[in-house]
Amino acid sequence: MLDVLGSVIGVAGKVLDKFVEDKDLRTKLAHELQTQLVSLDLAQAQANVEAAKSSSVFVAGARPSILWICALGLFTNFFAMPIAEWAVAIWAPHIPLPELNTSEIMGLTLSLLGLGGMRSWEKAKGIARERLK
């Protein structure tokens, strides 16, 4: 998120340099823009914390369900399909098996593993809930 924040501030700084001639006003506007962007980021973080506190499985259970879907997809592609290909090659070689595209699920899985690191941080700080109610 900081990369996006930095690029927005960089672009806005160029626009301010071009259209605002007063150096003090330009500095003040750049500071206000940066403050607003940081406050938006903090508001999103607070919304994420509140969503994680929810007792509803549909709110707080979204990340775990996506992780289970990714785990099922990876299990299918890297464990079940090789066994199925072997079995089909022996007993029914005329039946074609589908090709599974894992590029999307791998991107999602790697992103969620990053979120897992955040979860570990929450547990280390003692602010994580252990189960949904």
C-alpha atoms as a PDB file:
ATOM      1  CA  MET A   1       0.000   0.000   0.000  1.00  0.00           C
ATOM      2  CA  LEU A   2       2.903   2.320   0.685  1.00  0.00           C
ATOM      3  CA  ASP A   3       4.056   2.016  -2.931  1.00  0.00           C
ATOM      4  CA  VAL A   4       0.655   3.158  -4.162  1.00  0.00           C
ATOM      5  CA  LEU A   5       0.627   5.954  -1.610  1.00  0.00           C
ATOM      6  CA  GLY A   6       4.074   7.095  -2.732  1.00  0.00           C
ATOM      7  CA  SER A   7       3.133   7.062  -6.405  1.00  0.00           C
ATOM      8  CA  VAL A   8      -0.068   9.045  -5.791  1.00  0.00           C
ATOM      9  CA  ILE A   9       1.852  11.619  -3.781  1.00  0.00           C
ATOM     10  CA  GLY A  10       4.535  11.759  -6.479  1.00  0.00           C
ATOM     11  CA  VAL A  11       1.999  12.395  -9.261  1.00  0.00           C
ATOM     12  CA  ALA A  12       0.124  14.928  -7.141  1.00  0.00           C
ATOM     13  CA  GLY A  13       3.409  16.664  -6.357  1.00  0.00           C
ATOM     14  CA  LYS A  14       4.128  17.079 -10.061  1.00  0.00           C
ATOM     15  CA  VAL A  15       0.660  18.514 -10.634  1.00  0.00           C
ATOM     16  CA  LEU A  16       1.089  20.893  -7.700  1.00  0.00           C
ATOM     17  CA  ASP A  17       4.508  21.965  -9.006  1.00  0.00           C
ATOM     18  CA  LYS A  18       2.980  22.751 -12.378  1.00  0.00           C
ATOM     19  CA  PHE A  19      -0.138  24.633 -11.291  1.00  0.00           C
ATOM     20  CA  VAL A  20       0.618  26.131  -7.852  1.00  0.00           C
ATOM     21  CA  GLU A  21       3.345  28.749  -7.921  1.00  0.00           C
ATOM     22  CA  ASP A  22       3.407  29.666  -4.220  1.00  0.00           C
ATOM     23  CA  LYS A  23       5.935  27.346  -2.543  1.00  0.00           C
ATOM     24  CA  ASP A  24       4.320  27.541   0.908  1.00  0.00           C
ATOM     25  CA  LEU A  25       0.843  26.802  -0.477  1.00  0.00           C
ATOM     26  CA  ARG A  26       2.229  23.928  -2.538  1.00  0.00           C
ATOM     27  CA  THR A  27       3.917  22.434   0.546  1.00  0.00           C
ATOM     28  CA  LYS A  28       0.715  22.852   2.574  1.00  0.00           C
ATOM     29  CA  LEU A  29      -1.420  21.187  -0.138  1.00  0.00           C
ATOM     30  CA  ALA A  30       1.039  18.312  -0.502  1.00  0.00           C
ATOM     31  CA  HIS A  31       0.990  17.774   3.267  1.00  0.00           C
ATOM     32  CA  GLU A  32      -2.830  17.817   3.366  1.00  0.00           C
ATOM     33  CA  LEU A  33      -2.978  15.316   0.516  1.00  0.00           C
ATOM     34  CA  GLN A  34      -0.552  13.006   2.266  1.00  0.00           C
ATOM     35  CA  THR A  35      -2.505  13.305   5.518  1.00  0.00           C
ATOM     36  CA  GLN A  36      -5.775  12.444   3.748  1.00  0.00           C
ATOM     37  CA  LEU A  37      -4.260   9.413   2.023  1.00  0.00           C
ATOM     38  CA  VAL A  38      -2.780   8.106   5.263  1.00  0.00           C
ATOM     39  CA  SER A  39      -6.114   8.583   7.055  1.00  0.00           C
ATOM     40  CA  LEU A  40      -7.869   6.617   4.296  1.00  0.00           C
ATOM     41  CA  ASP A  41      -5.359   3.807   4.739  1.00  0.00           C
ATOM     42  CA  LEU A  42      -5.923   3.811   8.496  1.00  0.00           C
ATOM     43  CA  ALA A  43      -9.694   3.767   7.998  1.00  0.00           C
ATOM     44  CA  GLN A  44      -9.384   0.715   5.738  1.00  0.00           C
ATOM     45  CA  ALA A  45      -7.199  -1.016   8.322  1.00  0.00           C
ATOM     46  CA  GLN A  46      -9.796  -0.297  11.011  1.00  0.00           C
ATOM     47  CA  ALA A  47     -12.558  -1.669   8.760  1.00  0.00           C
ATOM     48  CA  ASN A  48     -10.506  -4.849   8.302  1.00  0.00           C
ATOM     49  CA  VAL A  49     -10.119  -5.197  12.077  1.00  0.00           C
ATOM     50  CA  GLU A  50     -13.865  -4.770  12.617  1.00  0.00           C
ATOM     51  CA  ALA A  51     -14.659  -7.330   9.905  1.00  0.00           C
ATOM     52  CA  ALA A  52     -12.326  -9.826  11.553  1.00  0.00           C
ATOM     53  CA  LYS A  53     -14.142  -9.332  14.889  1.00  0.00           C
ATOM     54  CA  SER A  54     -17.478 -10.279  13.386  1.00  0.00           C
ATOM     55  CA  SER A  55     -19.126 -13.457  14.612  1.00  0.00           C
ATOM     56  CA  SER A  56     -20.678 -14.046  11.194  1.00  0.00           C
ATOM     57  CA  VAL A  57     -18.976 -16.730   9.128  1.00  0.00           C
ATOM     58  CA  PHE A  58     -19.831 -14.761   5.994  1.00  0.00           C
ATOM     59  CA  VAL A  59     -17.857 -11.736   7.203  1.00  0.00           C
ATOM     60  CA  ALA A  60     -14.963 -13.132   9.228  1.00  0.00           C
ATOM     61  CA  GLY A  61     -14.832 -16.469   7.433  1.00  0.00           C
ATOM     62  CA  ALA A  62     -14.126 -15.109   3.963  1.00  0.00           C
ATOM     63  CA  ARG A  63     -10.341 -15.443   4.131  1.00  0.00           C
ATOM     64  CA  PRO A  64     -10.371 -18.959   5.599  1.00  0.00           C
ATOM     65  CA  SER A  65     -12.879 -20.129   2.985  1.00  0.00           C
ATOM     66  CA  ILE A  66     -10.732 -18.760   0.177  1.00  0.00           C
ATOM     67  CA  LEU A  67      -7.718 -20.501   1.708  1.00  0.00           C
ATOM     68  CA  TRP A  68      -9.620 -23.805   1.737  1.00  0.00           C
ATOM     69  CA  ILE A  69     -10.613 -23.303  -1.903  1.00  0.00           C
ATOM     70  CA  CYS A  70      -6.976 -22.663  -2.813  1.00  0.00           C
ATOM     71  CA  ALA A  71      -5.869 -25.706  -0.827  1.00  0.00           C
ATOM     72  CA  LEU A  72      -8.464 -27.858  -2.598  1.00  0.00           C
ATOM     73  CA  GLY A  73      -7.367 -26.561  -6.004  1.00  0.00           C
ATOM     74  CA  LEU A  74      -3.701 -27.196  -5.273  1.00  0.00           C
ATOM     75  CA  PHE A  75      -4.500 -30.648  -3.860  1.00  0.00           C
ATOM     76  CA  THR A  76      -6.450 -31.483  -7.005  1.00  0.00           C
ATOM     77  CA  ASN A  77      -3.765 -30.242  -9.372  1.00  0.00           C
ATOM     78  CA  PHE A  78      -0.676 -31.602  -7.660  1.00  0.00           C
ATOM     79  CA  PHE A  79      -1.962 -34.765  -5.983  1.00  0.00           C
ATOM     80  CA  ALA A  80      -5.285 -36.028  -7.313  1.00  0.00           C
ATOM     81  CA  MET A  81      -4.699 -35.301 -11.021  1.00  0.00           C
ATOM     82  CA  PRO A  82      -1.354 -37.136 -11.269  1.00  0.00           C
ATOM     83  CA  ILE A  83      -2.929 -40.199  -9.636  1.00  0.00           C
ATOM     84  CA  ALA A  84      -5.975 -39.903 -11.912  1.00  0.00           C
ATOM     85  CA  GLU A  85      -3.725 -39.584 -14.986  1.00  0.00           C
ATOM     86  CA  TRP A  86      -1.858 -42.706 -13.952  1.00  0.00           C
ATOM     87  CA  ALA A  87      -5.084 -44.641 -13.335  1.00  0.00           C
ATOM     88  CA  VAL A  88      -6.666 -43.494 -16.611  1.00  0.00           C
ATOM     89  CA  ALA A  89      -3.509 -44.360 -18.551  1.00  0.00           C
ATOM     90  CA  ILE A  90      -3.725 -47.923 -17.246  1.00  0.00           C
ATOM     91  CA  TRP A  91      -7.456 -48.692 -17.272  1.00  0.00           C
ATOM     92  CA  ALA A  92      -9.082 -46.212 -19.696  1.00  0.00           C
ATOM     93  CA  PRO A  93      -6.501 -44.598 -22.000  1.00  0.00           C
ATOM     94  CA  HIS A  94      -9.222 -43.353 -24.377  1.00  0.00           C
ATOM     95  CA  ILE A  95     -10.706 -40.983 -21.737  1.00  0.00           C
ATOM     96  CA  PRO A  96      -9.116 -37.513 -21.813  1.00  0.00           C
ATOM     97  CA  LEU A  97      -8.632 -35.738 -18.504  1.00  0.00           C
ATOM     98  CA  PRO A  98      -9.157 -31.960 -18.298  1.00  0.00           C
ATOM     99  CA  GLU A  99      -6.209 -29.593 -18.110  1.00  0.00           C
ATOM    100  CA  LEU A 100      -6.309 -27.530 -14.940  1.00  0.00           C
ATOM    101  CA  ASN A 101      -5.136 -23.910 -15.146  1.00  0.00           C
ATOM    102  CA  THR A 102      -3.436 -23.053 -11.882  1.00  0.00           C
ATOM    103  CA  SER A 103      -2.028 -19.609 -12.682  1.00  0.00           C
ATOM    104  CA  GLU A 104      -4.926 -17.737 -11.063  1.00  0.00           C
ATOM    105  CA  ILE A 105      -5.111 -19.971  -8.012  1.00  0.00           C
ATOM    106  CA  MET A 106      -1.355 -19.745  -7.455  1.00  0.00           C
ATOM    107  CA  GLY A 107      -1.507 -15.937  -7.436  1.00  0.00           C
ATOM    108  CA  LEU A 108      -4.389 -16.018  -4.989  1.00  0.00           C
ATOM    109  CA  THR A 109      -2.662 -18.624  -2.816  1.00  0.00           C
ATOM    110  CA  LEU A 110       0.572 -16.645  -2.600  1.00  0.00           C
ATOM    111  CA  SER A 111      -1.368 -13.492  -1.715  1.00  0.00           C
ATOM    112  CA  LEU A 112      -3.241 -15.305   1.009  1.00  0.00           C
ATOM    113  CA  LEU A 113      -0.037 -16.751   2.384  1.00  0.00           C
ATOM    114  CA  GLY A 114       1.035 -13.148   2.916  1.00  0.00           C
ATOM    115  CA  LEU A 115      -2.170 -12.627   4.859  1.00  0.00           C
ATOM    116  CA  GLY A 116      -1.256 -15.703   6.859  1.00  0.00           C
ATOM    117  CA  GLY A 117       1.867 -13.865   7.929  1.00  0.00           C
ATOM    118  CA  MET A 118      -0.345 -11.048   9.147  1.00  0.00           C
ATOM    119  CA  ARG A 119      -2.406 -13.591  11.096  1.00  0.00           C
ATOM    120  CA  SER A 120       0.765 -14.905  12.736  1.00  0.00           C
ATOM    121  CA  TRP A 121       1.619 -11.349  13.747  1.00  0.00           C
ATOM    122  CA  GLU A 122      -1.858 -10.942  15.283  1.00  0.00           C
ATOM    123  CA  LYS A 123      -1.412 -14.164  17.250  1.00  0.00           C
ATOM    124  CA  ALA A 124       2.016 -13.069  18.468  1.00  0.00           C
ATOM    125  CA  LYS A 125       0.540  -9.779  19.699  1.00  0.00           C
ATOM    126  CA  GLY A 126      -2.347 -11.606  21.389  1.00  0.00           C
ATOM    127  CA  ILE A 127      -5.112  -9.856  19.446  1.00  0.00           C
ATOM    128  CA  ALA A 128      -6.298 -12.771  17.296  1.00  0.00           C
ATOM    129  CA  ARG A 129      -9.523 -14.634  17.954  1.00  0.00           C
ATOM    130  CA  GLU A 130      -9.140 -18.381  18.085  1.00  0.00           C
ATOM    131  CA  ARG A 131     -12.541 -19.361  16.689  1.00  0.00           C
ATOM    132  CA  LEU A 132     -15.785 -17.973  15.350  1.00  0.00           C
ATOM    133  CA  LYS A 133     -18.809 -17.983  17.622  1.00  0.00           C
END
